[in-house]
Every structure is written in structure tokens, then in C-alpha cells.
N, C-alpha and C. Protein backbone atom coordinates (compact mmCIF):
# COMPACT_ATOMS: atom_id res chain seq x y z
N MET A 1 3.45 47.78 36.14
CA MET A 1 4.29 46.67 35.77
C MET A 1 3.70 45.34 36.23
N LYS A 2 3.13 45.36 37.47
CA LYS A 2 2.53 44.16 38.00
C LYS A 2 1.31 43.75 37.17
N LEU A 3 0.56 44.74 36.70
CA LEU A 3 -0.61 44.47 35.87
C LEU A 3 -0.19 43.83 34.54
N LEU A 4 0.87 44.32 33.94
CA LEU A 4 1.39 43.77 32.68
C LEU A 4 1.85 42.33 32.87
N LYS A 5 2.54 42.09 33.97
CA LYS A 5 3.02 40.75 34.27
C LYS A 5 1.84 39.79 34.46
N THR A 6 0.81 40.21 35.16
CA THR A 6 -0.38 39.39 35.38
C THR A 6 -1.09 39.12 34.05
N LEU A 7 -1.18 40.10 33.20
CA LEU A 7 -1.82 39.95 31.90
C LEU A 7 -1.06 38.93 31.04
N ILE A 8 0.25 39.00 31.02
CA ILE A 8 1.07 38.05 30.24
C ILE A 8 0.86 36.63 30.77
N HIS A 9 0.83 36.46 32.10
CA HIS A 9 0.60 35.14 32.69
C HIS A 9 -0.77 34.61 32.27
N CYS A 10 -1.77 35.46 32.29
CA CYS A 10 -3.12 35.04 31.89
C CYS A 10 -3.15 34.59 30.43
N ILE A 11 -2.46 35.31 29.58
CA ILE A 11 -2.42 34.94 28.16
C ILE A 11 -1.80 33.56 27.99
N PHE A 12 -0.68 33.31 28.67
CA PHE A 12 -0.03 32.01 28.56
C PHE A 12 -0.88 30.88 29.14
N ILE A 13 -1.64 31.16 30.15
CA ILE A 13 -2.49 30.14 30.76
C ILE A 13 -3.73 29.89 29.92
N LEU A 14 -4.35 30.95 29.40
CA LEU A 14 -5.60 30.82 28.65
C LEU A 14 -5.41 30.43 27.19
N ALA A 15 -4.28 30.73 26.61
CA ALA A 15 -4.06 30.46 25.18
C ALA A 15 -4.28 29.00 24.82
N PRO A 16 -3.72 28.03 25.55
CA PRO A 16 -3.97 26.63 25.19
C PRO A 16 -5.43 26.23 25.34
N ILE A 17 -6.13 26.83 26.28
CA ILE A 17 -7.54 26.50 26.50
C ILE A 17 -8.39 27.05 25.36
N ILE A 18 -8.11 28.26 24.93
CA ILE A 18 -8.90 28.92 23.89
C ILE A 18 -8.61 28.33 22.52
N SER A 19 -7.33 28.11 22.21
CA SER A 19 -6.98 27.61 20.88
C SER A 19 -7.26 26.12 20.78
N LYS A 20 -7.62 25.69 19.58
CA LYS A 20 -7.88 24.28 19.34
C LYS A 20 -6.72 23.70 18.55
N GLY A 21 -6.38 22.50 18.88
CA GLY A 21 -5.33 21.79 18.13
C GLY A 21 -5.88 21.28 16.81
N GLN A 22 -4.99 20.93 15.92
CA GLN A 22 -5.38 20.39 14.63
C GLN A 22 -6.03 19.02 14.83
N GLN A 23 -7.17 18.84 14.22
CA GLN A 23 -7.87 17.56 14.31
C GLN A 23 -7.24 16.60 13.30
N VAL A 24 -6.87 15.43 13.75
CA VAL A 24 -6.28 14.40 12.90
C VAL A 24 -7.28 13.27 12.76
N SER A 25 -7.50 12.86 11.52
CA SER A 25 -8.37 11.71 11.30
C SER A 25 -7.75 10.82 10.24
N PHE A 26 -8.03 9.55 10.30
CA PHE A 26 -7.52 8.58 9.35
C PHE A 26 -8.68 7.96 8.61
N SER A 27 -8.51 7.81 7.31
CA SER A 27 -9.51 7.13 6.49
C SER A 27 -8.84 5.91 5.87
N PRO A 28 -9.17 4.72 6.35
CA PRO A 28 -8.52 3.52 5.80
C PRO A 28 -8.90 3.31 4.34
N VAL A 29 -7.93 2.85 3.57
CA VAL A 29 -8.15 2.55 2.16
C VAL A 29 -8.14 1.03 2.04
N SER A 30 -9.21 0.48 1.48
CA SER A 30 -9.24 -0.97 1.32
C SER A 30 -8.30 -1.37 0.19
N ILE A 31 -7.49 -2.37 0.46
CA ILE A 31 -6.55 -2.84 -0.55
C ILE A 31 -6.85 -4.29 -0.89
N THR A 32 -6.55 -4.68 -2.11
CA THR A 32 -6.87 -6.02 -2.57
C THR A 32 -5.71 -6.98 -2.38
N VAL A 33 -4.58 -6.50 -1.91
CA VAL A 33 -3.43 -7.37 -1.69
C VAL A 33 -3.42 -7.84 -0.24
N ASP A 34 -2.69 -8.90 0.02
CA ASP A 34 -2.60 -9.47 1.37
C ASP A 34 -1.88 -8.50 2.29
N ARG A 35 -2.57 -7.99 3.30
CA ARG A 35 -1.97 -7.00 4.21
C ARG A 35 -0.78 -7.56 4.96
N ALA A 36 -0.74 -8.87 5.16
CA ALA A 36 0.40 -9.47 5.86
C ALA A 36 1.67 -9.33 5.03
N PHE A 37 1.52 -9.21 3.72
CA PHE A 37 2.67 -9.06 2.84
C PHE A 37 2.64 -7.71 2.13
N THR A 38 2.35 -6.67 2.88
CA THR A 38 2.35 -5.31 2.34
C THR A 38 3.34 -4.48 3.14
N ASN A 39 4.26 -3.85 2.44
CA ASN A 39 5.26 -3.01 3.09
C ASN A 39 5.49 -1.80 2.18
N ILE A 40 4.78 -0.71 2.43
CA ILE A 40 4.91 0.49 1.61
C ILE A 40 6.24 1.17 1.95
N VAL A 41 7.12 1.30 0.95
CA VAL A 41 8.45 1.86 1.17
C VAL A 41 8.63 3.22 0.48
N GLY A 42 7.68 3.61 -0.34
CA GLY A 42 7.76 4.90 -1.03
C GLY A 42 6.38 5.40 -1.41
N MET A 43 6.25 6.73 -1.50
CA MET A 43 4.96 7.33 -1.80
C MET A 43 5.20 8.67 -2.49
N CYS A 44 4.36 8.98 -3.49
CA CYS A 44 4.43 10.30 -4.13
C CYS A 44 3.07 10.62 -4.74
N GLN A 45 2.91 11.88 -5.13
CA GLN A 45 1.69 12.32 -5.79
C GLN A 45 2.07 12.94 -7.12
N ASP A 46 1.38 12.52 -8.19
CA ASP A 46 1.69 13.07 -9.51
C ASP A 46 0.96 14.39 -9.76
N LYS A 47 1.19 14.99 -10.93
CA LYS A 47 0.60 16.30 -11.24
C LYS A 47 -0.92 16.27 -11.32
N ILE A 48 -1.48 15.12 -11.65
CA ILE A 48 -2.93 14.99 -11.77
C ILE A 48 -3.58 14.84 -10.40
N GLY A 49 -2.84 14.32 -9.43
CA GLY A 49 -3.35 14.15 -8.08
C GLY A 49 -3.39 12.71 -7.60
N PHE A 50 -3.03 11.76 -8.47
CA PHE A 50 -3.00 10.36 -8.05
C PHE A 50 -1.89 10.15 -7.03
N ILE A 51 -2.15 9.27 -6.07
CA ILE A 51 -1.15 8.87 -5.09
C ILE A 51 -0.55 7.54 -5.57
N TRP A 52 0.77 7.48 -5.63
CA TRP A 52 1.49 6.29 -6.06
C TRP A 52 2.22 5.71 -4.86
N LEU A 53 2.18 4.38 -4.73
CA LEU A 53 2.80 3.69 -3.62
C LEU A 53 3.75 2.62 -4.14
N ALA A 54 4.94 2.57 -3.58
CA ALA A 54 5.90 1.50 -3.89
C ALA A 54 5.81 0.50 -2.76
N ASP A 55 5.51 -0.74 -3.11
CA ASP A 55 5.39 -1.81 -2.12
C ASP A 55 6.57 -2.75 -2.25
N ASN A 56 7.08 -3.19 -1.14
CA ASN A 56 8.24 -4.08 -1.11
C ASN A 56 7.90 -5.51 -1.53
N TYR A 57 6.60 -5.84 -1.62
CA TYR A 57 6.18 -7.18 -2.01
C TYR A 57 5.23 -7.18 -3.21
N ASN A 58 4.40 -6.14 -3.31
CA ASN A 58 3.29 -6.14 -4.26
C ASN A 58 3.44 -5.21 -5.45
N GLY A 59 4.62 -4.65 -5.67
CA GLY A 59 4.83 -3.80 -6.83
C GLY A 59 4.34 -2.38 -6.66
N LEU A 60 3.79 -1.83 -7.74
CA LEU A 60 3.37 -0.43 -7.80
C LEU A 60 1.85 -0.35 -7.63
N LEU A 61 1.41 0.61 -6.81
CA LEU A 61 -0.01 0.81 -6.58
C LEU A 61 -0.36 2.27 -6.87
N LYS A 62 -1.53 2.48 -7.51
CA LYS A 62 -2.02 3.83 -7.78
C LYS A 62 -3.37 4.00 -7.11
N TYR A 63 -3.50 5.08 -6.33
CA TYR A 63 -4.77 5.37 -5.66
C TYR A 63 -5.36 6.64 -6.24
N ASP A 64 -6.59 6.56 -6.75
CA ASP A 64 -7.24 7.70 -7.39
C ASP A 64 -8.24 8.41 -6.49
N GLY A 65 -8.28 8.07 -5.22
CA GLY A 65 -9.23 8.67 -4.30
C GLY A 65 -10.38 7.76 -3.96
N SER A 66 -10.63 6.76 -4.80
CA SER A 66 -11.69 5.81 -4.50
C SER A 66 -11.28 4.36 -4.70
N ARG A 67 -10.33 4.11 -5.59
CA ARG A 67 -9.92 2.72 -5.79
C ARG A 67 -8.41 2.62 -5.99
N LEU A 68 -7.91 1.43 -5.76
CA LEU A 68 -6.49 1.14 -5.85
C LEU A 68 -6.25 0.27 -7.08
N VAL A 69 -5.29 0.67 -7.92
CA VAL A 69 -4.91 -0.11 -9.10
C VAL A 69 -3.51 -0.64 -8.86
N SER A 70 -3.30 -1.92 -9.17
CA SER A 70 -2.03 -2.57 -8.93
C SER A 70 -1.30 -2.85 -10.24
N TYR A 71 0.01 -2.57 -10.26
CA TYR A 71 0.87 -2.89 -11.39
C TYR A 71 1.91 -3.88 -10.90
N LYS A 72 1.97 -5.05 -11.54
CA LYS A 72 2.86 -6.12 -11.09
C LYS A 72 3.84 -6.49 -12.19
N SER A 73 4.89 -7.14 -11.76
CA SER A 73 5.89 -7.66 -12.69
C SER A 73 5.36 -8.96 -13.31
N ASN A 74 5.60 -9.12 -14.60
CA ASN A 74 5.22 -10.34 -15.30
C ASN A 74 6.38 -10.72 -16.22
N PRO A 75 7.11 -11.78 -15.91
CA PRO A 75 8.28 -12.16 -16.72
C PRO A 75 7.95 -12.41 -18.19
N ARG A 76 6.69 -12.74 -18.51
CA ARG A 76 6.30 -13.00 -19.89
C ARG A 76 5.93 -11.73 -20.65
N ASN A 77 5.90 -10.59 -19.94
CA ASN A 77 5.51 -9.32 -20.57
C ASN A 77 6.63 -8.30 -20.38
N GLN A 78 7.35 -7.98 -21.45
CA GLN A 78 8.45 -7.02 -21.40
C GLN A 78 8.00 -5.63 -20.97
N ASN A 79 6.71 -5.33 -21.15
CA ASN A 79 6.19 -4.00 -20.81
C ASN A 79 5.60 -3.95 -19.40
N SER A 80 5.86 -4.95 -18.59
CA SER A 80 5.34 -4.91 -17.22
C SER A 80 6.39 -4.29 -16.29
N LEU A 81 5.99 -4.07 -15.06
CA LEU A 81 6.86 -3.53 -14.03
C LEU A 81 8.13 -4.38 -13.91
N ILE A 82 9.26 -3.73 -13.66
CA ILE A 82 10.55 -4.42 -13.62
C ILE A 82 10.65 -5.44 -12.48
N SER A 83 9.97 -5.17 -11.35
CA SER A 83 10.02 -6.04 -10.19
C SER A 83 8.87 -5.69 -9.25
N ASP A 84 8.42 -6.67 -8.47
CA ASP A 84 7.41 -6.40 -7.45
C ASP A 84 8.07 -6.00 -6.13
N ASN A 85 9.37 -6.13 -6.05
CA ASN A 85 10.13 -5.81 -4.85
C ASN A 85 10.74 -4.41 -5.01
N LEU A 86 9.95 -3.38 -4.67
CA LEU A 86 10.33 -2.00 -4.91
C LEU A 86 10.97 -1.36 -3.68
N GLU A 87 11.69 -0.27 -3.92
CA GLU A 87 12.40 0.41 -2.85
C GLU A 87 12.03 1.89 -2.74
N CYS A 88 11.77 2.57 -3.87
CA CYS A 88 11.48 4.00 -3.85
C CYS A 88 10.78 4.41 -5.13
N LEU A 89 10.20 5.61 -5.14
CA LEU A 89 9.60 6.16 -6.36
C LEU A 89 9.54 7.67 -6.29
N TYR A 90 9.36 8.29 -7.48
CA TYR A 90 9.36 9.74 -7.58
C TYR A 90 8.47 10.15 -8.75
N ALA A 91 7.61 11.13 -8.55
CA ALA A 91 6.76 11.64 -9.62
C ALA A 91 7.55 12.66 -10.42
N GLY A 92 7.79 12.36 -11.69
CA GLY A 92 8.56 13.25 -12.56
C GLY A 92 7.76 14.44 -13.03
N SER A 93 8.45 15.48 -13.45
CA SER A 93 7.79 16.72 -13.87
C SER A 93 7.03 16.57 -15.18
N LYS A 94 7.37 15.58 -15.98
CA LYS A 94 6.70 15.37 -17.26
C LYS A 94 5.53 14.39 -17.15
N GLY A 95 5.17 14.01 -15.91
CA GLY A 95 4.03 13.13 -15.70
C GLY A 95 4.39 11.67 -15.49
N ASN A 96 5.65 11.31 -15.76
CA ASN A 96 6.03 9.91 -15.57
C ASN A 96 6.36 9.64 -14.10
N ILE A 97 6.36 8.36 -13.74
CA ILE A 97 6.70 7.93 -12.39
C ILE A 97 8.00 7.14 -12.47
N TRP A 98 8.99 7.56 -11.70
CA TRP A 98 10.28 6.85 -11.62
C TRP A 98 10.18 5.86 -10.48
N ILE A 99 10.58 4.61 -10.76
CA ILE A 99 10.41 3.53 -9.80
C ILE A 99 11.73 2.81 -9.60
N GLY A 100 12.21 2.78 -8.37
CA GLY A 100 13.45 2.07 -8.06
C GLY A 100 13.15 0.74 -7.41
N SER A 101 13.76 -0.31 -7.93
CA SER A 101 13.55 -1.64 -7.36
C SER A 101 14.69 -2.00 -6.42
N LYS A 102 14.45 -3.01 -5.63
CA LYS A 102 15.44 -3.43 -4.64
C LYS A 102 16.63 -4.15 -5.29
N GLN A 103 16.40 -4.84 -6.42
CA GLN A 103 17.48 -5.62 -7.04
C GLN A 103 17.46 -5.62 -8.57
N ASN A 104 16.45 -5.05 -9.19
CA ASN A 104 16.30 -5.21 -10.63
C ASN A 104 16.41 -3.93 -11.44
N GLY A 105 16.90 -2.84 -10.86
CA GLY A 105 17.11 -1.62 -11.62
C GLY A 105 16.01 -0.58 -11.46
N LEU A 106 15.88 0.24 -12.50
CA LEU A 106 15.03 1.42 -12.49
C LEU A 106 13.99 1.33 -13.60
N ASP A 107 12.78 1.80 -13.31
CA ASP A 107 11.72 1.90 -14.31
C ASP A 107 11.25 3.33 -14.42
N SER A 108 10.83 3.70 -15.63
CA SER A 108 10.07 4.92 -15.85
C SER A 108 8.71 4.47 -16.36
N PHE A 109 7.65 4.91 -15.68
CA PHE A 109 6.30 4.51 -16.06
C PHE A 109 5.56 5.71 -16.62
N GLU A 110 5.01 5.56 -17.82
CA GLU A 110 4.22 6.60 -18.47
C GLU A 110 2.74 6.25 -18.26
N PRO A 111 2.06 6.95 -17.33
CA PRO A 111 0.67 6.60 -17.00
C PRO A 111 -0.31 6.68 -18.17
N GLU A 112 -0.12 7.64 -19.08
CA GLU A 112 -1.07 7.80 -20.19
C GLU A 112 -1.08 6.58 -21.11
N THR A 113 0.10 6.03 -21.38
CA THR A 113 0.20 4.88 -22.27
C THR A 113 0.36 3.57 -21.51
N GLU A 114 0.53 3.67 -20.18
CA GLU A 114 0.77 2.53 -19.31
C GLU A 114 1.94 1.68 -19.80
N THR A 115 3.04 2.36 -20.14
CA THR A 115 4.24 1.66 -20.59
C THR A 115 5.38 1.90 -19.61
N PHE A 116 6.18 0.86 -19.44
CA PHE A 116 7.35 0.91 -18.58
C PHE A 116 8.60 0.91 -19.45
N THR A 117 9.57 1.75 -19.10
CA THR A 117 10.89 1.73 -19.72
C THR A 117 11.87 1.28 -18.65
N HIS A 118 12.65 0.25 -18.97
CA HIS A 118 13.56 -0.36 -17.99
C HIS A 118 14.99 0.14 -18.17
N PHE A 119 15.66 0.36 -17.05
CA PHE A 119 17.08 0.71 -17.02
C PHE A 119 17.75 -0.26 -16.05
N ARG A 120 18.80 -0.93 -16.51
CA ARG A 120 19.49 -1.91 -15.66
C ARG A 120 21.00 -1.74 -15.76
N HIS A 121 21.67 -2.25 -14.74
CA HIS A 121 23.13 -2.31 -14.78
C HIS A 121 23.55 -3.38 -15.77
N ASN A 122 24.55 -3.04 -16.58
CA ASN A 122 25.09 -3.99 -17.56
C ASN A 122 26.61 -3.90 -17.45
N LYS A 123 27.25 -4.98 -17.03
CA LYS A 123 28.71 -4.98 -16.84
C LYS A 123 29.44 -4.57 -18.11
N ALA A 124 28.88 -4.90 -19.27
CA ALA A 124 29.54 -4.59 -20.54
C ALA A 124 29.36 -3.14 -20.97
N ASP A 125 28.47 -2.41 -20.32
CA ASP A 125 28.19 -1.02 -20.69
C ASP A 125 28.53 -0.09 -19.53
N PRO A 126 29.66 0.63 -19.61
CA PRO A 126 30.04 1.52 -18.51
C PRO A 126 29.10 2.71 -18.32
N LEU A 127 28.18 2.94 -19.26
CA LEU A 127 27.23 4.05 -19.15
C LEU A 127 25.84 3.57 -18.73
N SER A 128 25.76 2.33 -18.24
CA SER A 128 24.50 1.84 -17.68
C SER A 128 24.47 2.18 -16.20
N LEU A 129 23.38 1.87 -15.53
CA LEU A 129 23.28 2.10 -14.08
C LEU A 129 24.48 1.48 -13.37
N CYS A 130 24.95 2.12 -12.32
CA CYS A 130 26.09 1.56 -11.58
C CYS A 130 25.67 0.41 -10.67
N SER A 131 24.36 0.26 -10.41
CA SER A 131 23.86 -0.83 -9.57
C SER A 131 22.38 -1.03 -9.86
N ASN A 132 21.91 -2.25 -9.69
CA ASN A 132 20.48 -2.52 -9.85
C ASN A 132 19.69 -2.33 -8.56
N THR A 133 20.39 -2.00 -7.46
CA THR A 133 19.72 -1.71 -6.19
C THR A 133 19.53 -0.21 -6.09
N ILE A 134 18.31 0.26 -6.37
CA ILE A 134 17.99 1.68 -6.39
C ILE A 134 17.43 2.06 -5.02
N THR A 135 18.05 3.05 -4.37
CA THR A 135 17.68 3.39 -3.00
C THR A 135 17.09 4.79 -2.84
N ALA A 136 17.30 5.68 -3.82
CA ALA A 136 16.77 7.05 -3.72
C ALA A 136 16.64 7.65 -5.11
N LEU A 137 15.64 8.51 -5.28
CA LEU A 137 15.39 9.17 -6.57
C LEU A 137 15.05 10.63 -6.35
N LEU A 138 15.52 11.48 -7.28
CA LEU A 138 15.17 12.89 -7.26
C LEU A 138 15.28 13.44 -8.67
N GLU A 139 14.27 14.18 -9.09
CA GLU A 139 14.37 14.96 -10.32
C GLU A 139 14.53 16.41 -9.88
N ASP A 140 15.66 17.02 -10.23
CA ASP A 140 15.90 18.40 -9.78
C ASP A 140 15.14 19.40 -10.64
N ARG A 141 15.22 20.66 -10.28
CA ARG A 141 14.45 21.71 -10.97
C ARG A 141 14.88 21.90 -12.43
N LYS A 142 16.07 21.41 -12.79
CA LYS A 142 16.53 21.49 -14.18
C LYS A 142 16.09 20.27 -14.99
N GLY A 143 15.47 19.30 -14.31
CA GLY A 143 15.00 18.10 -15.00
C GLY A 143 15.98 16.94 -14.97
N THR A 144 17.09 17.09 -14.27
CA THR A 144 18.06 16.01 -14.15
C THR A 144 17.55 14.97 -13.16
N LEU A 145 17.57 13.70 -13.56
CA LEU A 145 17.19 12.63 -12.65
C LEU A 145 18.44 12.14 -11.93
N TRP A 146 18.41 12.21 -10.61
CA TRP A 146 19.47 11.72 -9.74
C TRP A 146 19.03 10.36 -9.21
N VAL A 147 19.90 9.37 -9.33
CA VAL A 147 19.58 8.01 -8.93
C VAL A 147 20.58 7.55 -7.88
N GLY A 148 20.10 7.38 -6.66
CA GLY A 148 20.95 6.85 -5.59
C GLY A 148 20.87 5.34 -5.61
N THR A 149 22.03 4.70 -5.54
CA THR A 149 22.08 3.25 -5.57
C THR A 149 22.92 2.72 -4.42
N PHE A 150 22.96 1.42 -4.33
CA PHE A 150 23.78 0.75 -3.32
C PHE A 150 25.26 0.88 -3.65
N ASN A 151 25.53 1.28 -4.90
CA ASN A 151 26.91 1.33 -5.38
C ASN A 151 27.34 2.71 -5.83
N GLY A 152 26.60 3.74 -5.50
CA GLY A 152 26.99 5.09 -5.90
C GLY A 152 25.82 5.92 -6.38
N LEU A 153 26.15 7.05 -6.98
CA LEU A 153 25.17 8.02 -7.43
C LEU A 153 25.29 8.20 -8.94
N ASP A 154 24.15 8.18 -9.63
CA ASP A 154 24.11 8.37 -11.08
C ASP A 154 23.19 9.53 -11.43
N THR A 155 23.43 10.10 -12.60
CA THR A 155 22.47 11.01 -13.22
C THR A 155 22.16 10.45 -14.60
N LEU A 156 20.93 10.65 -15.05
CA LEU A 156 20.48 10.10 -16.33
C LEU A 156 20.44 11.18 -17.40
N ASN A 157 21.05 10.89 -18.55
CA ASN A 157 20.91 11.73 -19.73
C ASN A 157 19.69 11.19 -20.46
N ARG A 158 18.59 11.91 -20.43
CA ARG A 158 17.34 11.40 -20.99
C ARG A 158 17.37 11.27 -22.50
N LYS A 159 18.18 12.07 -23.16
CA LYS A 159 18.26 11.98 -24.63
C LYS A 159 18.91 10.68 -25.07
N THR A 160 19.95 10.26 -24.35
CA THR A 160 20.69 9.06 -24.74
C THR A 160 20.29 7.83 -23.95
N GLY A 161 19.66 8.02 -22.78
CA GLY A 161 19.33 6.90 -21.92
C GLY A 161 20.54 6.35 -21.19
N LYS A 162 21.63 7.12 -21.16
CA LYS A 162 22.87 6.68 -20.51
C LYS A 162 23.06 7.41 -19.19
N PHE A 163 23.86 6.82 -18.32
CA PHE A 163 24.07 7.34 -16.98
C PHE A 163 25.50 7.84 -16.79
N ALA A 164 25.63 8.94 -16.05
CA ALA A 164 26.93 9.44 -15.60
C ALA A 164 27.06 9.02 -14.14
N HIS A 165 28.21 8.44 -13.79
CA HIS A 165 28.44 7.96 -12.43
C HIS A 165 29.18 9.01 -11.61
N ILE A 166 28.62 9.31 -10.46
CA ILE A 166 29.26 10.26 -9.55
C ILE A 166 29.64 9.46 -8.31
N THR A 167 30.86 8.98 -8.27
CA THR A 167 31.32 8.16 -7.15
C THR A 167 32.39 8.93 -6.39
N ASN A 168 32.82 8.36 -5.27
CA ASN A 168 33.86 9.04 -4.52
C ASN A 168 35.22 8.95 -5.22
N ASN A 169 35.28 8.26 -6.35
CA ASN A 169 36.50 8.22 -7.17
C ASN A 169 36.48 9.26 -8.29
N SER A 170 35.33 9.93 -8.47
CA SER A 170 35.24 10.95 -9.52
C SER A 170 35.44 12.33 -8.92
N GLU A 171 35.79 13.28 -9.77
CA GLU A 171 36.04 14.66 -9.31
C GLU A 171 34.81 15.25 -8.61
N ALA A 172 33.63 15.04 -9.20
CA ALA A 172 32.40 15.61 -8.63
C ALA A 172 31.99 14.92 -7.34
N GLY A 173 32.43 13.68 -7.13
CA GLY A 173 31.98 12.94 -5.97
C GLY A 173 32.99 12.78 -4.86
N LEU A 174 34.04 13.59 -4.86
CA LEU A 174 35.07 13.45 -3.84
C LEU A 174 34.52 13.64 -2.42
N ALA A 175 33.44 14.38 -2.28
CA ALA A 175 32.88 14.64 -0.96
C ALA A 175 32.04 13.48 -0.44
N LEU A 176 31.73 12.51 -1.29
CA LEU A 176 30.93 11.37 -0.84
C LEU A 176 31.78 10.47 0.06
N ASN A 177 31.29 10.21 1.25
CA ASN A 177 32.00 9.30 2.16
C ASN A 177 31.69 7.85 1.84
N HIS A 178 30.45 7.59 1.46
CA HIS A 178 30.00 6.23 1.20
C HIS A 178 29.32 6.21 -0.15
N GLU A 179 29.35 5.06 -0.77
CA GLU A 179 28.69 4.95 -2.06
C GLU A 179 27.25 4.44 -1.94
N ASN A 180 26.82 4.02 -0.75
CA ASN A 180 25.46 3.57 -0.54
C ASN A 180 24.59 4.80 -0.26
N ILE A 181 23.92 5.30 -1.29
CA ILE A 181 23.14 6.54 -1.20
C ILE A 181 21.73 6.20 -0.72
N LYS A 182 21.29 6.85 0.34
CA LYS A 182 19.96 6.58 0.90
C LYS A 182 18.95 7.70 0.65
N VAL A 183 19.41 8.96 0.61
CA VAL A 183 18.49 10.09 0.47
C VAL A 183 19.12 11.14 -0.44
N ILE A 184 18.30 11.72 -1.32
CA ILE A 184 18.72 12.83 -2.17
C ILE A 184 17.66 13.92 -2.03
N TYR A 185 18.10 15.16 -1.82
CA TYR A 185 17.17 16.27 -1.59
C TYR A 185 17.70 17.52 -2.28
N GLU A 186 16.80 18.30 -2.84
CA GLU A 186 17.17 19.59 -3.44
C GLU A 186 16.55 20.70 -2.59
N ASP A 187 17.38 21.63 -2.12
CA ASP A 187 16.85 22.73 -1.32
C ASP A 187 16.37 23.87 -2.22
N LYS A 188 15.83 24.93 -1.61
CA LYS A 188 15.21 26.01 -2.39
C LYS A 188 16.23 26.80 -3.21
N GLU A 189 17.51 26.70 -2.87
CA GLU A 189 18.55 27.36 -3.67
C GLU A 189 19.03 26.51 -4.83
N GLY A 190 18.57 25.24 -4.89
CA GLY A 190 18.97 24.35 -5.97
C GLY A 190 20.16 23.48 -5.62
N THR A 191 20.59 23.51 -4.37
CA THR A 191 21.70 22.67 -3.92
C THR A 191 21.18 21.25 -3.71
N ILE A 192 21.91 20.27 -4.23
CA ILE A 192 21.54 18.87 -4.06
C ILE A 192 22.25 18.34 -2.82
N TRP A 193 21.47 17.78 -1.90
CA TRP A 193 21.98 17.21 -0.66
C TRP A 193 21.90 15.68 -0.79
N ILE A 194 23.00 15.02 -0.41
CA ILE A 194 23.07 13.56 -0.52
C ILE A 194 23.45 12.99 0.82
């Protein structure tokens, strides 16, 4: 018994010495925007492998492993990014990138055609976004886009381009304590956590 106890002690003492920890290294990526005004608030990777970054000042950035491409808002171009002041993003299953802005609504970006589709709150349309402040995005395994906003939770009907509002005043949203949605997550059983 004493021999077994001594052997166990030796294993616990020698194990950290013998095993090596994971080596961590950083490779800086040169960016063409002013670093003083760079605030990355969201990140995702698409099916092809590109890394997409949402910047709070500089709009949308795409990194292909060697260079950074910037997409900016241009008020004179309807097909440009909705805003340079972004809050979150999500790589969709069909290859598009969903982009939430801090005050100007939601964009869907199609990388192959480099086109943006804009979704905004419209007081006259009860089936538009419930808020232009987009705070969280998730596309679930069934393909439903969940949009967390400062004013509640929406889902998008992609065929019609209209939104269903899930608020604490609706039957489905009675469990919501607050309407300011910050995080949306789908677990392995398909349950959506808000």
C-alpha cells in the first residue's frame, strides 16, 4: 500500500514536468485603418475560411489570411454597408454574412456578388425590425435568423423579408425579463438560449 501511495505521489509530481503546455503565439495582422479608432466588436469565419470582423468605427473587414479588405458605408451608394458603426455579425449557412449595426439596422452581405441587403425599423410597418440597434445574431440549425435588438427579439422570414417580434408581451416571449437582448445561443439539442 505504501508503494502504491508513493507511486501516485510521484506521478502527480512528475506529470507537470514531463507534459508540455500548449504553446501560444500571436501573429499580428497589419491593418490599413487607424488603430486608435479600431474597436473589433464581432468576429466570425465563413464556410470558405475567410475571417470577418465587425468594427465599431471602421465598418466590415474581411481577412483572407494575407490581406485585409474593408467595406465601408457610403451614403451615395445604396449598395454599400448600412453603417460603419457595427455591433455584431454572423456567418450564415448559405454563405452570406449577417451584420448588425449599432443604430442603423441589419445588413445581409452576399460575398460572391458583393451586395448588401438592408433591413431597418419602419414605424409604419409592424413587420419591420423592432429596433435599428442590433445587439446579437444567430442562425439556428433550421435556418431561422434570430435578431437580438435593444428593443426585443425578432426572427426573419427570408421569403417575405418580414420580421416576427418575440417580446415579453407575446405568448412566445413571456419568459423574457428584458427586451434588451445581448446574446443568443443554440445548444446541441436545438434549444435557443437568450
